[in-house]
Amino acid sequence: MTSLAALVAEESAHSLPMPAWVFGVIALVVFALLLAATWSFRGAAQKYAQPGDHGHAHGHGDAAGHADGHGHH
């Protein structure tokens, strides 16, 4: 048990390479960049949708998955 106490005491003697609040700022900046990347693709589905395919959920319709009776080629 004394070796565990010595290990914990030795571990707490190490200092961080930068102040603790900087790690939070770095995480916030990374998440903001990820949000910006996600936000930049917000209209991509509508740009590449087939004409006449506005608002139709995929998978509804007949057995072949055609909602309006003819296929999307």
N, C-alpha and C. Protein backbone atom coordinates (compact mmCIF):
# COMPACT_ATOMS: atom_id res chain seq x y z
N MET A 1 0.82 -1.18 0.00
CA MET A 1 0.00 0.00 0.00
C MET A 1 0.87 1.25 0.00
N THR A 2 2.04 1.15 0.61
CA THR A 2 2.91 2.33 0.65
C THR A 2 3.46 2.67 -0.72
N SER A 3 3.65 1.66 -1.57
CA SER A 3 4.14 1.94 -2.92
C SER A 3 3.06 2.67 -3.73
N LEU A 4 1.79 2.35 -3.50
CA LEU A 4 0.70 3.05 -4.17
C LEU A 4 0.64 4.51 -3.74
N ALA A 5 0.83 4.76 -2.45
CA ALA A 5 0.84 6.13 -1.94
C ALA A 5 2.02 6.91 -2.52
N ALA A 6 3.16 6.26 -2.65
CA ALA A 6 4.33 6.92 -3.23
C ALA A 6 4.11 7.22 -4.70
N LEU A 7 3.44 6.31 -5.41
CA LEU A 7 3.15 6.52 -6.83
C LEU A 7 2.20 7.69 -7.03
N VAL A 8 1.18 7.79 -6.18
CA VAL A 8 0.22 8.90 -6.28
C VAL A 8 0.92 10.21 -5.96
N ALA A 9 1.78 10.23 -4.95
CA ALA A 9 2.50 11.44 -4.59
C ALA A 9 3.44 11.87 -5.71
N GLU A 10 4.07 10.89 -6.37
CA GLU A 10 4.97 11.21 -7.47
C GLU A 10 4.19 11.74 -8.67
N GLU A 11 3.03 11.18 -8.92
CA GLU A 11 2.20 11.60 -10.05
C GLU A 11 1.72 13.03 -9.88
N SER A 12 1.39 13.43 -8.66
CA SER A 12 0.89 14.78 -8.44
C SER A 12 2.00 15.82 -8.51
N ALA A 13 3.25 15.39 -8.50
CA ALA A 13 4.36 16.32 -8.57
C ALA A 13 4.58 16.85 -9.98
N HIS A 14 4.06 16.15 -11.00
CA HIS A 14 4.21 16.60 -12.38
C HIS A 14 3.28 17.76 -12.66
N SER A 15 3.75 18.71 -13.43
CA SER A 15 2.91 19.86 -13.76
C SER A 15 2.46 19.77 -15.21
N LEU A 16 1.39 20.45 -15.52
CA LEU A 16 0.85 20.47 -16.87
C LEU A 16 1.72 21.35 -17.76
N PRO A 17 1.77 21.08 -19.05
CA PRO A 17 2.61 21.90 -19.94
C PRO A 17 2.05 23.31 -20.15
N MET A 18 0.77 23.52 -19.82
CA MET A 18 0.15 24.85 -19.94
C MET A 18 -0.94 24.95 -18.88
N PRO A 19 -1.45 26.13 -18.61
CA PRO A 19 -2.50 26.25 -17.60
C PRO A 19 -3.73 25.42 -17.96
N ALA A 20 -4.46 24.98 -16.95
CA ALA A 20 -5.59 24.08 -17.16
C ALA A 20 -6.68 24.71 -18.03
N TRP A 21 -6.91 26.01 -17.90
CA TRP A 21 -7.98 26.65 -18.67
C TRP A 21 -7.68 26.67 -20.17
N VAL A 22 -6.41 26.56 -20.56
CA VAL A 22 -6.05 26.56 -21.99
C VAL A 22 -6.57 25.30 -22.66
N PHE A 23 -6.59 24.18 -21.93
CA PHE A 23 -7.13 22.94 -22.49
C PHE A 23 -8.61 23.11 -22.83
N GLY A 24 -9.34 23.81 -21.98
CA GLY A 24 -10.76 24.09 -22.26
C GLY A 24 -10.93 24.97 -23.47
N VAL A 25 -10.08 25.98 -23.61
CA VAL A 25 -10.17 26.88 -24.77
C VAL A 25 -9.86 26.11 -26.05
N ILE A 26 -8.86 25.25 -26.01
CA ILE A 26 -8.51 24.44 -27.19
C ILE A 26 -9.69 23.54 -27.57
N ALA A 27 -10.31 22.90 -26.59
CA ALA A 27 -11.46 22.04 -26.87
C ALA A 27 -12.60 22.85 -27.47
N LEU A 28 -12.85 24.05 -26.93
CA LEU A 28 -13.92 24.89 -27.46
C LEU A 28 -13.66 25.28 -28.91
N VAL A 29 -12.42 25.62 -29.24
CA VAL A 29 -12.06 25.99 -30.61
C VAL A 29 -12.22 24.80 -31.55
N VAL A 30 -11.80 23.62 -31.12
CA VAL A 30 -11.93 22.42 -31.96
C VAL A 30 -13.41 22.13 -32.22
N PHE A 31 -14.24 22.20 -31.19
CA PHE A 31 -15.68 21.95 -31.39
C PHE A 31 -16.31 23.02 -32.27
N ALA A 32 -15.87 24.26 -32.17
CA ALA A 32 -16.40 25.32 -33.04
C ALA A 32 -16.02 25.06 -34.49
N LEU A 33 -14.81 24.58 -34.73
CA LEU A 33 -14.39 24.24 -36.10
C LEU A 33 -15.20 23.06 -36.64
N LEU A 34 -15.46 22.07 -35.81
CA LEU A 34 -16.29 20.95 -36.24
C LEU A 34 -17.71 21.40 -36.54
N LEU A 35 -18.23 22.32 -35.74
CA LEU A 35 -19.56 22.87 -36.00
C LEU A 35 -19.58 23.62 -37.32
N ALA A 36 -18.55 24.39 -37.61
CA ALA A 36 -18.48 25.13 -38.86
C ALA A 36 -18.42 24.17 -40.06
N ALA A 37 -17.68 23.09 -39.93
CA ALA A 37 -17.61 22.11 -41.02
C ALA A 37 -18.96 21.44 -41.23
N THR A 38 -19.65 21.11 -40.16
CA THR A 38 -20.98 20.50 -40.27
C THR A 38 -21.97 21.49 -40.87
N TRP A 39 -21.92 22.72 -40.42
CA TRP A 39 -22.86 23.76 -40.88
C TRP A 39 -22.67 24.05 -42.37
N SER A 40 -21.45 23.89 -42.87
CA SER A 40 -21.20 24.18 -44.28
C SER A 40 -21.89 23.18 -45.22
N PHE A 41 -22.29 22.02 -44.71
CA PHE A 41 -22.97 21.02 -45.53
C PHE A 41 -24.48 20.99 -45.30
N ARG A 42 -25.05 22.03 -44.70
CA ARG A 42 -26.46 22.01 -44.31
C ARG A 42 -27.41 21.93 -45.49
N GLY A 43 -27.05 22.39 -46.68
CA GLY A 43 -27.96 22.34 -47.82
C GLY A 43 -27.54 21.35 -48.89
N ALA A 44 -26.60 20.49 -48.59
CA ALA A 44 -26.05 19.59 -49.60
C ALA A 44 -27.09 18.58 -50.10
N ALA A 45 -27.99 18.12 -49.27
CA ALA A 45 -28.98 17.13 -49.69
C ALA A 45 -29.93 17.71 -50.73
N GLN A 46 -30.31 18.96 -50.57
CA GLN A 46 -31.21 19.58 -51.54
C GLN A 46 -30.51 19.88 -52.86
N LYS A 47 -29.23 20.17 -52.81
CA LYS A 47 -28.49 20.47 -54.04
C LYS A 47 -28.43 19.27 -54.97
N TYR A 48 -28.35 18.07 -54.40
CA TYR A 48 -28.15 16.87 -55.19
C TYR A 48 -29.39 15.99 -55.27
N ALA A 49 -30.53 16.50 -54.83
CA ALA A 49 -31.77 15.73 -54.89
C ALA A 49 -32.25 15.65 -56.34
N GLN A 50 -32.90 14.55 -56.67
CA GLN A 50 -33.46 14.37 -58.00
C GLN A 50 -34.65 15.31 -58.19
N PRO A 51 -34.88 15.79 -59.40
CA PRO A 51 -36.06 16.64 -59.62
C PRO A 51 -37.34 15.87 -59.28
N GLY A 52 -38.24 16.51 -58.59
CA GLY A 52 -39.48 15.87 -58.19
C GLY A 52 -39.34 15.02 -56.95
N ASP A 53 -38.18 15.01 -56.32
CA ASP A 53 -37.95 14.18 -55.13
C ASP A 53 -37.91 15.08 -53.89
N HIS A 54 -38.84 16.01 -53.81
CA HIS A 54 -38.86 16.97 -52.71
C HIS A 54 -39.67 16.43 -51.55
N GLY A 55 -39.01 16.13 -50.46
CA GLY A 55 -39.69 15.74 -49.24
C GLY A 55 -40.14 14.30 -49.17
N HIS A 56 -39.84 13.48 -50.16
CA HIS A 56 -40.23 12.07 -50.08
C HIS A 56 -39.20 11.30 -49.29
N ALA A 57 -39.67 10.59 -48.29
CA ALA A 57 -38.77 9.76 -47.50
C ALA A 57 -38.42 8.50 -48.29
N HIS A 58 -37.18 8.12 -48.24
CA HIS A 58 -36.77 6.92 -48.95
C HIS A 58 -37.22 5.70 -48.17
N GLY A 59 -37.57 4.67 -48.88
CA GLY A 59 -37.99 3.44 -48.24
C GLY A 59 -39.49 3.28 -48.15
N HIS A 60 -40.26 4.29 -48.50
CA HIS A 60 -41.71 4.19 -48.50
C HIS A 60 -42.18 3.98 -49.93
N GLY A 61 -43.14 3.14 -50.11
CA GLY A 61 -43.65 2.87 -51.45
C GLY A 61 -43.78 1.39 -51.69
N ASP A 62 -43.60 0.95 -52.93
CA ASP A 62 -43.76 -0.48 -53.25
C ASP A 62 -42.53 -1.27 -52.80
N ALA A 63 -42.49 -2.53 -53.15
CA ALA A 63 -41.42 -3.43 -52.70
C ALA A 63 -40.05 -3.00 -53.23
N ALA A 64 -40.02 -2.36 -54.39
CA ALA A 64 -38.75 -1.93 -54.96
C ALA A 64 -38.30 -0.59 -54.39
N GLY A 65 -39.12 0.04 -53.55
CA GLY A 65 -38.75 1.30 -52.95
C GLY A 65 -39.14 2.51 -53.78
N HIS A 66 -40.01 2.33 -54.77
CA HIS A 66 -40.43 3.44 -55.61
C HIS A 66 -41.70 4.06 -55.03
N ALA A 67 -41.62 5.29 -54.65
CA ALA A 67 -42.75 5.94 -54.00
C ALA A 67 -43.80 6.38 -55.00
N ASP A 68 -43.39 6.70 -56.23
CA ASP A 68 -44.35 7.23 -57.19
C ASP A 68 -44.58 6.32 -58.39
N GLY A 69 -44.13 5.09 -58.33
CA GLY A 69 -44.43 4.13 -59.40
C GLY A 69 -43.35 3.99 -60.45
N HIS A 70 -42.38 4.90 -60.51
CA HIS A 70 -41.29 4.72 -61.45
C HIS A 70 -39.97 4.98 -60.72
N GLY A 71 -38.93 4.38 -61.27
CA GLY A 71 -37.63 4.41 -60.59
C GLY A 71 -36.88 5.71 -60.80
N HIS A 72 -35.91 5.93 -59.97
CA HIS A 72 -35.02 7.11 -60.10
C HIS A 72 -33.72 6.60 -60.69
N HIS A 73 -33.45 6.95 -61.93
CA HIS A 73 -32.22 6.49 -62.60
C HIS A 73 -31.30 7.64 -62.80
